[in-house]
Amino acid sequence: MILLTALPSTRVCMSSKHQIDKLLEEYEVPQVVKDYFPCGWHHFDSEGRPLCVLRLG
């Protein structure tokens, strides 16, 4: 039980230390990825996982 209560504060500390929120806000996908891996996020499945739609062909 002690481990479960310690995890959220550890994540917050780790997130602020490595500026994860800033990275998620400012990250821009490189053009080569956009050109050769076209896809898009489309809602969520029944278990809450994000769905990635890939364009094939």
C-alpha atoms as a PDB file:
ATOM      1  CA  MET A   1       0.000   0.000   0.000  1.00  0.00           C
ATOM      2  CA  ILE A   2       2.871   2.380   0.674  1.00  0.00           C
ATOM      3  CA  LEU A   3       4.136   1.878  -2.872  1.00  0.00           C
ATOM      4  CA  LEU A   4       0.769   2.842  -4.377  1.00  0.00           C
ATOM      5  CA  THR A   5       0.647   6.136  -2.484  1.00  0.00           C
ATOM      6  CA  ALA A   6       4.238   7.001  -3.393  1.00  0.00           C
ATOM      7  CA  LEU A   7       3.846   6.513  -7.149  1.00  0.00           C
ATOM      8  CA  PRO A   8       1.763   9.612  -8.048  1.00  0.00           C
ATOM      9  CA  SER A   9       4.121  12.006  -6.270  1.00  0.00           C
ATOM     10  CA  THR A  10       7.118  10.315  -7.900  1.00  0.00           C
ATOM     11  CA  ARG A  11       5.523  10.721 -11.328  1.00  0.00           C
ATOM     12  CA  VAL A  12       4.818  14.404 -10.714  1.00  0.00           C
ATOM     13  CA  CYS A  13       8.376  14.973  -9.545  1.00  0.00           C
ATOM     14  CA  MET A  14       9.796  13.098 -12.537  1.00  0.00           C
ATOM     15  CA  SER A  15       7.478  14.977 -14.910  1.00  0.00           C
ATOM     16  CA  SER A  16       8.520  18.393 -13.646  1.00  0.00           C
ATOM     17  CA  LYS A  17      12.209  17.446 -13.468  1.00  0.00           C
ATOM     18  CA  HIS A  18      12.317  16.390 -17.111  1.00  0.00           C
ATOM     19  CA  GLN A  19       9.775  18.998 -18.325  1.00  0.00           C
ATOM     20  CA  ILE A  20       7.469  16.356 -19.818  1.00  0.00           C
ATOM     21  CA  ASP A  21       4.479  18.729 -20.023  1.00  0.00           C
ATOM     22  CA  LYS A  22       6.542  21.267 -21.967  1.00  0.00           C
ATOM     23  CA  LEU A  23       7.746  18.547 -24.323  1.00  0.00           C
ATOM     24  CA  LEU A  24       4.200  17.339 -25.000  1.00  0.00           C
ATOM     25  CA  GLU A  25       3.010  20.879 -25.749  1.00  0.00           C
ATOM     26  CA  GLU A  26       5.921  21.978 -27.939  1.00  0.00           C
ATOM     27  CA  TYR A  27       6.801  18.757 -29.816  1.00  0.00           C
ATOM     28  CA  GLU A  28       6.343  18.982 -33.547  1.00  0.00           C
ATOM     29  CA  VAL A  29       6.384  15.872 -35.723  1.00  0.00           C
ATOM     30  CA  PRO A  30       9.292  15.968 -38.220  1.00  0.00           C
ATOM     31  CA  GLN A  31       8.296  16.367 -41.869  1.00  0.00           C
ATOM     32  CA  VAL A  32       9.822  13.021 -42.862  1.00  0.00           C
ATOM     33  CA  VAL A  33       7.509  11.257 -40.397  1.00  0.00           C
ATOM     34  CA  LYS A  34       4.500  13.139 -41.786  1.00  0.00           C
ATOM     35  CA  ASP A  35       5.496  12.180 -45.337  1.00  0.00           C
ATOM     36  CA  TYR A  36       6.176   8.482 -44.805  1.00  0.00           C
ATOM     37  CA  PHE A  37       3.879   7.590 -41.899  1.00  0.00           C
ATOM     38  CA  PRO A  38       0.554   9.310 -42.490  1.00  0.00           C
ATOM     39  CA  CYS A  39      -1.933   8.533 -39.751  1.00  0.00           C
ATOM     40  CA  GLY A  40      -4.396  10.210 -37.465  1.00  0.00           C
ATOM     41  CA  TRP A  41      -5.894   9.679 -34.018  1.00  0.00           C
ATOM     42  CA  HIS A  42      -9.593   8.868 -34.020  1.00  0.00           C
ATOM     43  CA  HIS A  43     -11.470   8.727 -30.699  1.00  0.00           C
ATOM     44  CA  PHE A  44     -11.020   5.739 -28.346  1.00  0.00           C
ATOM     45  CA  ASP A  45     -11.969   2.060 -28.312  1.00  0.00           C
ATOM     46  CA  SER A  46     -14.327   0.462 -25.767  1.00  0.00           C
ATOM     47  CA  GLU A  47     -11.482   0.066 -23.242  1.00  0.00           C
ATOM     48  CA  GLY A  48     -10.319   3.677 -23.495  1.00  0.00           C
ATOM     49  CA  ARG A  49      -7.279   3.143 -25.699  1.00  0.00           C
ATOM     50  CA  PRO A  50      -6.647   5.732 -28.448  1.00  0.00           C
ATOM     51  CA  LEU A  51      -7.183   4.516 -32.012  1.00  0.00           C
ATOM     52  CA  CYS A  52      -4.627   5.332 -34.674  1.00  0.00           C
ATOM     53  CA  VAL A  53      -5.971   5.247 -38.225  1.00  0.00           C
ATOM     54  CA  LEU A  54      -3.359   4.438 -40.857  1.00  0.00           C
ATOM     55  CA  ARG A  55      -3.814   5.390 -44.500  1.00  0.00           C
ATOM     56  CA  LEU A  56      -2.723   2.475 -46.662  1.00  0.00           C
ATOM     57  CA  GLY A  57      -2.244   2.496 -50.403  1.00  0.00           C
END
